[in-house]
Each structure stands twice: as C-alpha cells, then as structure tokens.
Protein backbone atom coordinates (compact mmCIF):
# COMPACT_ATOMS: atom_id res chain seq x y z
CA MET A 1 40.36 1.26 -33.54
CA VAL A 2 42.13 3.88 -31.39
CA ARG A 3 39.55 6.47 -32.45
CA ILE A 4 36.69 4.19 -31.37
CA LYS A 5 38.24 3.60 -27.97
CA PHE A 6 38.83 7.33 -27.54
CA THR A 7 35.18 8.08 -28.38
CA LEU A 8 33.88 5.55 -25.85
CA LEU A 9 36.32 6.79 -23.20
CA PHE A 10 35.17 10.36 -23.80
CA LEU A 11 31.51 9.39 -23.37
CA VAL A 12 32.20 7.60 -20.09
CA ILE A 13 34.33 10.45 -18.69
CA ASN A 14 31.80 13.08 -19.79
CA TRP A 15 29.02 11.11 -18.09
CA SER A 16 30.98 10.76 -14.84
CA ILE A 17 32.52 14.20 -14.35
CA HIS A 18 29.44 16.20 -13.35
CA ALA A 19 27.31 13.48 -11.76
CA HIS A 20 24.70 14.18 -9.11
CA THR A 21 23.67 11.03 -7.25
CA ILE A 22 20.19 10.75 -5.75
CA ASP A 23 18.29 7.96 -4.06
CA TRP A 24 14.59 7.13 -4.15
CA GLN A 25 13.53 9.18 -1.13
CA THR A 26 15.53 12.22 -2.21
CA GLY A 27 13.72 12.15 -5.54
CA LEU A 28 10.33 12.18 -3.81
CA THR A 29 11.38 15.20 -1.78
CA LEU A 30 12.58 17.05 -4.89
CA ILE A 31 9.27 16.39 -6.65
CA GLN A 32 7.28 18.00 -3.85
CA GLN A 33 9.61 20.99 -3.88
CA ASN A 34 10.17 21.53 -7.60
CA ASN A 35 7.76 19.64 -9.86
CA PRO A 36 5.69 22.34 -11.64
CA GLU A 37 2.75 20.03 -12.30
CA TRP A 38 2.55 19.18 -8.60
CA LEU A 39 2.83 22.83 -7.54
CA ALA A 40 0.08 23.81 -10.00
CA ALA A 41 -2.18 21.01 -8.73
CA ASN A 42 -1.80 22.29 -5.16
CA GLN A 43 -2.69 25.83 -6.18
CA THR A 44 -5.73 24.65 -8.16
CA LEU A 45 -6.99 22.72 -5.15
CA GLU A 46 -6.59 25.72 -2.85
CA SER A 47 -8.40 27.90 -5.39
CA THR A 48 -11.40 25.55 -5.36
CA ARG A 49 -11.45 25.42 -1.57
CA ALA A 50 -11.59 29.20 -1.54
CA LEU A 51 -14.67 29.06 -3.80
CA GLU A 52 -16.33 26.75 -1.27
CA ASP A 53 -15.77 29.40 1.41
CA SER A 54 -17.26 31.95 -0.98
CA ALA A 55 -20.40 29.81 -1.38
CA ARG A 56 -21.06 30.05 2.38
CA SER A 57 -21.71 33.76 2.02
CA GLY A 58 -25.31 33.08 0.94
CA PHE A 59 -26.20 32.10 4.53
CA LEU A 60 -24.73 35.26 6.06
CA PRO A 61 -26.01 38.85 6.10
CA LYS A 62 -24.50 41.45 3.82
CA LEU A 63 -23.29 44.66 5.43
CA SER A 64 -22.26 47.77 3.53
CA GLY A 65 -21.66 51.42 4.16
CA SER A 66 -22.56 54.32 1.87
CA ILE A 67 -21.84 58.01 1.63
CA SER A 68 -23.78 60.09 -0.88
CA SER A 69 -23.86 63.70 -1.92
CA SER A 70 -26.26 65.21 -4.45
CA GLN A 71 -27.29 68.58 -5.80
CA SER A 72 -30.69 69.02 -7.44
CA TYR A 73 -32.56 71.86 -9.11
CA GLY A 74 -36.25 72.28 -9.81
CA GLU A 75 -37.69 75.35 -11.54
CA ILE A 76 -41.13 75.03 -9.94
CA THR A 77 -39.75 74.74 -6.40
CA SER A 78 -39.20 77.74 -4.16
CA ASN A 79 -35.52 77.01 -3.90
CA SER A 80 -33.49 77.12 -7.06
CA SER A 81 -31.12 74.45 -5.80
CA LYS A 82 -31.28 71.73 -3.18
CA ARG A 83 -28.37 69.81 -1.65
CA SER A 84 -28.59 66.42 0.02
CA GLU A 85 -25.90 64.65 2.09
CA SER A 86 -26.25 61.21 3.68
CA VAL A 87 -24.21 58.58 5.49
CA ALA A 88 -25.69 55.13 6.07
CA LEU A 89 -24.92 51.59 7.20
CA ASN A 90 -26.95 49.04 5.25
CA LEU A 91 -27.78 45.45 6.22
CA SER A 92 -29.55 42.82 4.15
CA GLN A 93 -30.32 39.17 4.84
CA ASN A 94 -31.95 36.68 2.53
CA LEU A 95 -34.49 34.60 4.44
CA PHE A 96 -35.54 32.29 1.64
CA SER A 97 -34.32 31.85 -1.93
CA GLY A 98 -35.91 28.59 -2.97
CA PHE A 99 -33.05 26.65 -1.32
CA ALA A 100 -30.64 28.09 -3.92
CA ASP A 101 -28.04 29.02 -1.28
CA LEU A 102 -28.06 25.51 0.15
CA ALA A 103 -27.76 23.99 -3.32
CA ARG A 104 -24.98 26.43 -4.25
CA TYR A 105 -22.99 25.56 -1.13
CA SER A 106 -23.57 21.84 -1.63
CA GLU A 107 -22.37 22.14 -5.23
CA ALA A 108 -19.27 24.00 -4.06
CA LYS A 109 -18.48 21.18 -1.63
CA GLN A 110 -18.78 18.66 -4.43
CA ASN A 111 -16.53 20.81 -6.61
CA THR A 112 -13.98 20.70 -3.81
CA ARG A 113 -14.28 16.91 -3.78
CA ILE A 114 -13.74 16.89 -7.54
CA ALA A 115 -10.68 19.12 -7.13
CA GLU A 116 -9.34 16.80 -4.43
CA MET A 117 -9.79 13.80 -6.72
CA THR A 118 -8.05 15.70 -9.52
CA TRP A 119 -5.26 16.61 -7.09
CA LYS A 120 -4.85 12.95 -6.13
CA GLN A 121 -4.91 11.96 -9.80
CA SER A 122 -2.10 14.42 -10.44
CA LYS A 123 -0.17 12.89 -7.56
CA ALA A 124 -0.76 9.37 -8.94
CA LYS A 125 0.31 10.47 -12.44
CA ILE A 126 3.45 12.17 -11.18
CA SER A 127 4.19 9.08 -9.09
CA TYR A 128 3.89 6.96 -12.24
CA ASP A 129 6.12 9.38 -14.16
CA TYR A 130 8.71 9.35 -11.38
CA LYS A 131 8.77 5.59 -10.94
CA SER A 132 8.98 5.03 -14.71
CA ALA A 133 11.64 7.70 -15.21
CA TYR A 134 13.67 6.44 -12.25
CA ALA A 135 13.49 2.88 -13.61
CA GLY A 136 14.47 4.27 -17.01
CA VAL A 137 17.68 5.75 -15.60
CA VAL A 138 18.47 2.53 -13.70
CA TYR A 139 17.93 0.59 -16.92
CA ALA A 140 20.04 3.01 -18.97
CA GLN A 141 22.88 2.89 -16.42
CA GLU A 142 22.90 -0.89 -16.43
CA TYR A 143 22.57 -0.95 -20.21
CA VAL A 144 25.72 1.18 -20.51
CA THR A 145 27.53 -1.37 -18.32
CA LEU A 146 26.09 -4.29 -20.27
CA THR A 147 27.03 -2.86 -23.68
CA GLN A 148 30.57 -2.26 -22.47
CA LYS A 149 30.70 -5.88 -21.29
CA ILE A 150 29.39 -7.05 -24.67
CA LEU A 151 31.94 -4.84 -26.43
CA ASP A 152 34.76 -6.44 -24.47
CA ARG A 153 33.41 -9.92 -25.24
CA ARG A 154 33.08 -9.15 -28.95
CA LYS A 155 36.64 -7.82 -28.98
CA GLU A 156 37.91 -10.98 -27.28
CA ASN A 157 35.94 -13.18 -29.68
CA LEU A 158 37.32 -11.27 -32.66
CA ASN A 159 40.85 -11.88 -31.42
CA ILE A 160 40.15 -15.60 -31.03
CA VAL A 161 38.71 -15.89 -34.55
CA GLN A 162 41.58 -13.82 -35.98
CA LEU A 163 44.17 -16.12 -34.37
CA ARG A 164 42.43 -19.20 -35.70
CA PHE A 165 42.26 -17.61 -39.16
CA ASN A 166 45.98 -16.79 -39.03
CA SER A 167 46.70 -20.42 -38.18
CA GLY A 168 44.55 -21.62 -41.06
CA ARG A 169 41.78 -23.09 -38.95
CA GLU A 170 39.08 -20.48 -39.73
CA ASN A 171 37.80 -18.80 -42.87
CA LYS A 172 37.80 -15.11 -43.79
CA GLY A 173 34.01 -14.90 -43.61
CA SER A 174 34.08 -15.72 -39.89
CA VAL A 175 36.63 -12.96 -39.33
CA LEU A 176 34.54 -10.40 -41.22
CA LEU A 177 31.40 -11.41 -39.33
CA SER A 178 33.25 -11.08 -36.01
CA GLU A 179 34.44 -7.62 -37.03
CA ALA A 180 30.84 -6.69 -37.87
CA TYR A 181 29.71 -7.93 -34.46
CA TYR A 182 32.39 -5.82 -32.81
CA GLN A 183 31.32 -2.75 -34.79
CA GLN A 184 27.73 -3.42 -33.77
CA ALA A 185 28.85 -3.55 -30.14
CA VAL A 186 30.56 -0.17 -30.58
CA TYR A 187 27.33 1.23 -32.01
CA ASP A 188 25.30 -0.22 -29.11
CA SER A 189 27.70 1.33 -26.58
CA ILE A 190 27.35 4.78 -28.13
CA GLN A 191 23.59 4.35 -28.33
CA ALA A 192 23.48 3.32 -24.65
CA GLY A 193 25.28 6.51 -23.66
CA LEU A 194 22.82 8.65 -25.62
CA GLN A 195 19.85 6.76 -24.16
CA LEU A 196 21.22 7.40 -20.68
CA ASP A 197 21.38 11.12 -21.39
CA VAL A 198 17.73 11.12 -22.52
CA ALA A 199 16.68 9.08 -19.47
CA GLN A 200 18.51 11.47 -17.14
CA ASN A 201 16.79 14.47 -18.70
CA THR A 202 13.40 12.75 -18.45
CA LEU A 203 13.93 12.12 -14.73
CA ALA A 204 15.20 15.65 -14.22
CA GLN A 205 12.03 17.01 -15.80
CA VAL A 206 9.90 15.01 -13.37
CA LEU A 207 12.03 16.23 -10.46
CA GLY A 208 11.80 19.83 -11.66
CA LEU A 209 15.57 20.09 -12.07
CA SER A 210 17.83 21.48 -14.77
CA LEU A 211 20.54 19.29 -16.28
CA MET A 212 22.60 22.06 -17.80
CA ASP A 213 25.63 21.13 -15.68
CA ASP A 214 24.95 17.95 -13.73
CA LYS A 215 24.12 14.40 -14.77
CA LEU A 216 21.79 12.37 -12.59
CA VAL A 217 23.01 9.07 -11.24
CA VAL A 218 20.41 7.07 -9.31
CA VAL A 219 20.75 4.38 -6.70
CA GLN A 220 18.85 1.20 -7.50
CA ASP A 221 16.52 1.16 -4.50
CA ILE A 222 13.09 1.22 -6.16
CA PRO A 223 10.46 -0.19 -3.76
CA MET A 224 8.52 -3.07 -5.30
CA THR A 225 4.74 -3.36 -5.03
CA GLU A 226 3.51 -6.74 -3.87
CA LEU A 227 0.80 -8.24 -6.06
CA ALA A 228 -1.89 -10.50 -4.61
CA GLU A 229 -3.49 -13.34 -6.50
CA SER A 230 -6.37 -12.23 -8.73
CA SER A 231 -8.76 -14.50 -6.84
CA ALA A 232 -8.09 -12.46 -3.69
CA ILE A 233 -9.01 -9.14 -5.36
CA ASP A 234 -12.59 -7.90 -5.61
CA PHE A 235 -12.21 -5.83 -8.78
CA LYS A 236 -15.78 -4.52 -8.61
CA LYS A 237 -15.24 -3.15 -5.11
CA LEU A 238 -11.77 -1.91 -5.96
CA GLY A 239 -13.21 -0.07 -8.94
CA THR A 240 -15.51 1.95 -6.67
CA LEU A 241 -12.48 3.06 -4.63
CA THR A 242 -10.54 4.42 -7.58
CA LEU A 243 -10.10 8.15 -8.08
CA ASP A 244 -11.85 8.09 -11.46
CA TYR A 245 -15.01 6.59 -9.97
CA GLN A 246 -14.94 8.83 -6.88
CA LYS A 247 -14.56 11.83 -9.16
CA ALA A 248 -17.48 10.69 -11.34
CA MET A 249 -19.62 10.34 -8.21
CA ALA A 250 -18.75 13.86 -7.09
CA GLN A 251 -19.52 15.19 -10.58
CA ALA A 252 -22.92 13.50 -10.52
CA ASP A 253 -23.69 15.00 -7.09
CA ALA A 254 -22.52 18.43 -8.26
CA ALA A 255 -24.81 18.19 -11.30
CA LYS A 256 -27.72 17.38 -8.98
CA PHE A 257 -27.10 20.49 -6.89
CA THR A 258 -26.70 22.61 -10.02
CA HIS A 259 -30.12 21.38 -11.08
CA ASP A 260 -31.51 22.32 -7.65
CA GLN A 261 -30.13 25.85 -8.05
CA ASN A 262 -31.89 26.28 -11.36
CA LYS A 263 -35.17 24.98 -9.92
CA ALA A 264 -34.92 27.66 -7.22
CA ALA A 265 -35.75 30.24 -9.90
CA TYR A 266 -39.37 29.01 -9.73
CA TYR A 267 -39.68 29.90 -6.02
CA PRO A 268 -40.25 33.32 -4.43
CA SER A 269 -37.40 35.09 -2.64
CA LEU A 270 -37.82 36.68 0.81
CA ASP A 271 -35.32 39.33 1.98
CA LEU A 272 -34.92 41.43 5.12
CA THR A 273 -33.27 44.83 4.76
CA GLY A 274 -32.26 47.48 7.25
CA SER A 275 -30.45 50.80 7.17
CA ILE A 276 -29.28 53.33 9.76
CA GLY A 277 -27.53 56.63 9.13
CA LYS A 278 -27.76 60.39 8.97
CA SER A 279 -28.95 62.84 6.34
CA ASP A 280 -28.88 66.60 5.98
CA SER A 281 -28.38 69.41 3.52
CA VAL A 282 -24.85 69.98 4.78
CA PHE A 283 -21.86 67.73 5.39
CA PRO A 284 -21.39 66.11 7.80
CA PRO A 285 -25.12 65.32 8.10
CA GLU A 286 -26.72 65.50 11.57
CA ASN A 287 -30.29 64.24 11.18
CA ASP A 288 -30.84 60.57 12.15
CA ARG A 289 -32.40 58.26 9.61
CA TRP A 290 -33.24 54.52 9.72
CA SER A 291 -35.38 52.03 7.92
CA VAL A 292 -36.38 48.37 8.17
CA GLY A 293 -38.15 46.41 5.48
CA VAL A 294 -39.14 42.99 4.20
CA SER A 295 -39.48 42.24 0.51
CA LEU A 296 -41.01 39.25 -1.23
CA THR A 297 -40.10 38.73 -4.88
CA ILE A 298 -42.32 36.35 -6.86
CA PRO A 299 -41.08 35.23 -10.29
CA ILE A 300 -43.78 35.32 -12.96
CA PHE A 301 -42.17 35.26 -16.38
CA SER A 302 -38.54 35.57 -17.48
CA GLY A 303 -38.95 35.03 -21.19
CA GLY A 304 -38.47 31.29 -20.82
CA ARG A 305 -34.91 31.69 -19.50
CA ASP A 306 -35.53 29.96 -16.15
CA TYR A 307 -37.22 26.98 -17.80
CA ALA A 308 -34.44 26.61 -20.37
CA ASN A 309 -31.73 26.79 -17.69
CA GLU A 310 -33.51 24.24 -15.53
CA LEU A 311 -34.03 21.91 -18.48
CA SER A 312 -30.36 22.15 -19.44
CA ALA A 313 -29.28 21.41 -15.86
CA ARG A 314 -31.65 18.43 -15.76
CA TYR A 315 -30.05 16.93 -18.88
CA ARG A 316 -26.56 17.50 -17.45
CA ARG A 317 -27.63 15.74 -14.27
CA VAL A 318 -28.83 12.68 -16.19
CA ALA A 319 -25.65 12.68 -18.27
CA ALA A 320 -23.52 12.77 -15.11
CA GLU A 321 -25.41 9.83 -13.65
CA VAL A 322 -24.92 7.82 -16.83
CA ASN A 323 -21.24 8.77 -16.87
CA ARG A 324 -20.83 7.49 -13.31
CA THR A 325 -22.17 4.09 -14.38
CA THR A 326 -19.94 4.08 -17.45
CA VAL A 327 -16.85 4.90 -15.38
CA SER A 328 -17.64 2.07 -12.97
CA PHE A 329 -17.50 -0.41 -15.86
CA GLN A 330 -14.41 1.20 -17.37
CA MET A 331 -12.48 1.05 -14.11
CA ILE A 332 -13.02 -2.70 -13.74
CA VAL A 333 -11.57 -3.24 -17.21
CA LYS A 334 -8.72 -0.78 -16.57
CA LEU A 335 -7.82 -2.43 -13.28
CA LYS A 336 -7.84 -5.91 -14.79
CA GLN A 337 -5.67 -4.77 -17.68
CA ALA A 338 -3.15 -3.14 -15.32
CA TYR A 339 -3.19 -6.20 -13.09
CA SER A 340 -2.60 -8.56 -16.03
CA GLN A 341 0.28 -6.45 -17.36
CA PHE A 342 1.91 -6.32 -13.93
CA ARG A 343 1.44 -10.05 -13.33
CA LEU A 344 2.95 -10.93 -16.70
CA ALA A 345 5.84 -8.50 -16.12
CA ILE A 346 6.65 -10.24 -12.83
CA GLU A 347 6.64 -13.65 -14.48
CA LYS A 348 8.65 -12.36 -17.46
CA VAL A 349 11.47 -11.37 -15.11
CA LYS A 350 11.65 -14.94 -13.83
CA VAL A 351 11.57 -16.41 -17.34
CA ASP A 352 14.25 -14.09 -18.75
CA GLU A 353 16.50 -14.60 -15.73
CA LYS A 354 16.38 -18.39 -16.23
CA PHE A 355 17.13 -18.04 -19.92
CA LYS A 356 20.04 -15.70 -19.13
CA GLN A 357 21.53 -18.15 -16.65
CA ALA A 358 21.22 -20.97 -19.16
CA ALA A 359 22.74 -18.85 -21.94
CA GLN A 360 25.68 -17.86 -19.75
CA MET A 361 26.43 -21.49 -18.96
CA ARG A 362 26.09 -22.52 -22.61
CA SER A 363 28.40 -19.66 -23.65
CA GLU A 364 31.15 -20.78 -21.28
CA ILE A 365 30.93 -24.34 -22.57
CA ALA A 366 30.73 -23.32 -26.23
CA LYS A 367 33.73 -21.01 -25.94
CA LYS A 368 35.90 -23.81 -24.57
CA LYS A 369 34.71 -26.17 -27.29
CA TYR A 370 35.45 -23.62 -30.02
CA ASN A 371 38.92 -22.92 -28.65
CA ASN A 372 39.60 -26.66 -28.63
CA GLY A 373 38.26 -27.14 -32.14
CA LEU A 374 35.25 -29.16 -30.95
CA MET A 375 32.62 -26.69 -32.21
CA SER A 376 32.24 -24.83 -35.48
CA PHE A 377 32.14 -21.04 -35.67
CA ASP A 378 28.54 -21.09 -36.84
CA ASP A 379 27.39 -23.10 -33.81
CA TRP A 380 29.42 -20.95 -31.43
CA ASP A 381 28.03 -17.80 -33.08
CA VAL A 382 24.46 -18.94 -32.36
CA VAL A 383 25.29 -19.46 -28.67
CA GLU A 384 27.02 -16.06 -28.35
CA ASN A 385 24.20 -14.16 -30.02
CA ASP A 386 21.66 -15.94 -27.86
CA LEU A 387 23.55 -14.93 -24.70
CA ILE A 388 23.68 -11.27 -25.69
CA GLN A 389 19.98 -11.19 -26.52
CA ARG A 390 19.08 -12.99 -23.27
CA GLU A 391 21.10 -10.47 -21.24
CA LYS A 392 19.32 -7.58 -22.95
CA ASN A 393 15.92 -9.22 -22.47
CA SER A 394 16.57 -9.74 -18.76
CA LEU A 395 17.49 -6.09 -18.32
CA THR A 396 14.42 -4.93 -20.26
CA SER A 397 12.02 -7.16 -18.33
CA SER A 398 13.36 -5.82 -15.01
CA ARG A 399 12.53 -2.30 -16.16
CA ASP A 400 9.12 -3.37 -17.47
CA ARG A 401 8.28 -4.88 -14.10
CA VAL A 402 8.80 -1.50 -12.42
CA VAL A 403 6.70 0.22 -15.09
CA GLY A 404 3.99 -2.41 -14.61
CA SER A 405 4.04 -1.75 -10.88
CA ALA A 406 3.73 2.00 -11.49
CA ASN A 407 0.82 1.44 -13.89
CA TRP A 408 -0.99 -0.80 -11.38
CA ASP A 409 -0.62 1.85 -8.67
CA GLN A 410 -1.84 4.62 -10.96
CA ALA A 411 -4.88 2.58 -12.00
CA GLN A 412 -5.83 2.40 -8.33
CA GLY A 413 -5.03 6.08 -7.81
CA ILE A 414 -2.18 5.38 -5.40
CA GLY A 415 0.59 7.97 -5.03
CA LEU A 416 4.08 7.49 -3.67
CA TRP A 417 3.66 9.98 -0.83
CA PRO A 418 0.74 11.02 1.46
C-alpha cells in the first residue's frame, strides 16, 4: 500500500516540477512561430507566387549582352589566319505566340490560387490539430484529477466494507471485490498520468516545441463554435465556399489554360529582334554594327508531338471539370457529416451531464443507506460503478464536443487565425 502511494506521489510531483503553462492565445502564437508544417506551407506559397512573376516575362522583351572572340584559318584565303572580335547588345520581343504567353500567365495565376487554397487547407488542418491536441491535454489533466478522486472514493469504500466485515455484517467476497476496485483505481491513476504525458507531447508537436525538460499545462479557455440549426444552413452554397471546392475550381481553370498553351503550338510565332554593337579584328573592337529583323515561324510538322500534347491536355481539362463536379457533391456530404457529429456531440454533453448529476445524487443516498444497513453491498456496488462511469462519460463527451467543433471548422476550411 505504501509503495502504491509513493508511486502515485512520484508521478504527480514529476508532472508538476517542470510545468510550462500556456493559454489558448499563446498556443496560437507559438504555432505561427514554430510549427514546421505551417512554416513549410508559407514557403511553398511564396515559391508559387514567384513562379507567377516568372510567367509575366513572356510579355516583356529579352535583353542580353554578348562578347565574342574567334580565330579562323582558311587555306584558300590570302591570309593564313583571321581574327574576329565583337561586342553586342541584343534585344528580342515576341509579338505573337498563338496566345501561349497569355495562357501561361493565366495558368500561373490559377496555380497561385491553388497554392493559396492549399495554404489555407494547411492552416485549417493545423487549427484542427491544435484544437484537438489542446482539448486532449485539458481532458488528460481533468482525467488525472478524476482518477485521483475515484481512487480516494474506492479507498474510503474499501475501509467501510472492511469495517462491516470485521463486525460480521459483510462477507469476504465483498471485501475482495472492494480491494479489486481499489487496485483498478490505482491502475487508472497511473494510466491517466501516462495519457497526460502523451497528450502533452502531442500538443508540443503541434506547437513546434520540445518537451525534453518542460511539461505543458494548459488553461481551459477553448473558444466554442456556435452551431446554427440545420434548417438555417444552405449546405449546397456552403459547399461551394469550401477550400476543397475552390481548389477544384482553380485546378479546372488551370487545366483549361494548359490546354490553351498546347493549342498555341498550331499557330505561327512572330518575333522582333535587334542588335547593336561593335566588331573588329582587334580588341576592343571599334567598328559599329547593328541589325534589326522580324521573323515569322510557321509550324508544319513536329512528328505528331504537338497533337499528342494537345490531346493529353484536352483530356486533363475534361478530367478536371469532372473532378470539380465530384468535389461539389463530396463537400455537401462531408459538411453534413461534420455538422451531424458536432450536433450530436453538443447534445451528448447535455445528456452525460444530467446522468452524472443523477448518479452523484444516487451515490450519496446509497452510501448513507449502506452505512445504515438499509442497502445490500451488491445494490450499492451498482450505484458506485454507475457514478464512476457517468463521470468518465461526461469528461469524454466534453472533449468530443471540442473535437467535433474542430472537425466542423476544418470541413468549412476555417482556421483559428487570419
């Protein structure tokens, strides 16, 4: 018995010594500073935005400089060797490319939209992870307290049964069962401490922190999402506002512009070129040189490559359109499922709280009756076990309500910060 108490005391002290307390808002700040998934999502978005800037280059002229030096020899020429030096500034501008530049830039903008939707999805996922992990630590902290309370009650009940047995008013089987209940309570207390450690590490991972030295203790200040009646929600309209659907729309538009780029291979290309510089047989060259030209390139046959590329892009475009329709249906189902789970979780909290209150009252009455010899051990045992289970159910349903809220927000693509 002393060893059990020492073990439990050690777990509580070890949990409390190096404790780092955070509140809800502090956790959000830590995520934006430390969460690797969030930092990677930001960098990916910036990378895609840079590619959009790159796609604008097709509308602008290309300017380059060149310096060349060559030595040539021809046996039939009067000079055995000829040297050529040149310095030039070259300018080229595409005037028409079958609208490929416009399609390429439009596709890049859609890719940026896709990256933004992915970025928001990452934010919504991390928000879900944070809210669930935070609720997990709150639950684990309260479960540690609850199991200690149950342990104390089981110890008190064991003493009552033992006294009644010593006075000849109870049988040995009741004593042994009470001892088993007490041992179960010890087991639950140890398990609660281990679960708390896992929950703390899960939250630390979301926050991007290390738990080598400190234990996280959270303040129970989780904001609750209000849920409207289902009749007041237009799920079809809400589905079109979700990140999944918006992303599918952008992917369909991007596929269209990719198709347009491939069709541009059938059109001629018109380019303007210009060059100004100096050339000579010595360096630095001194003789002025310039040129201006216009070139028209007409595609005739590429071995079937252009047709195959265009056909492939056409199929991808159709597939993206079909996928957009599919996602629209999927999101309605996903939203309704998340809504139903959240609604039931809210109602379950109310149900379990009522049962817990009733069980607590019945336990007080039953304990007095048992002490006064007005209730058998078996009947009292049923009431006590029911109370313990109701208390655990109430705690679990409170956690599940927060998880349901987080799932409902994620289904809509809502994050916890702008």
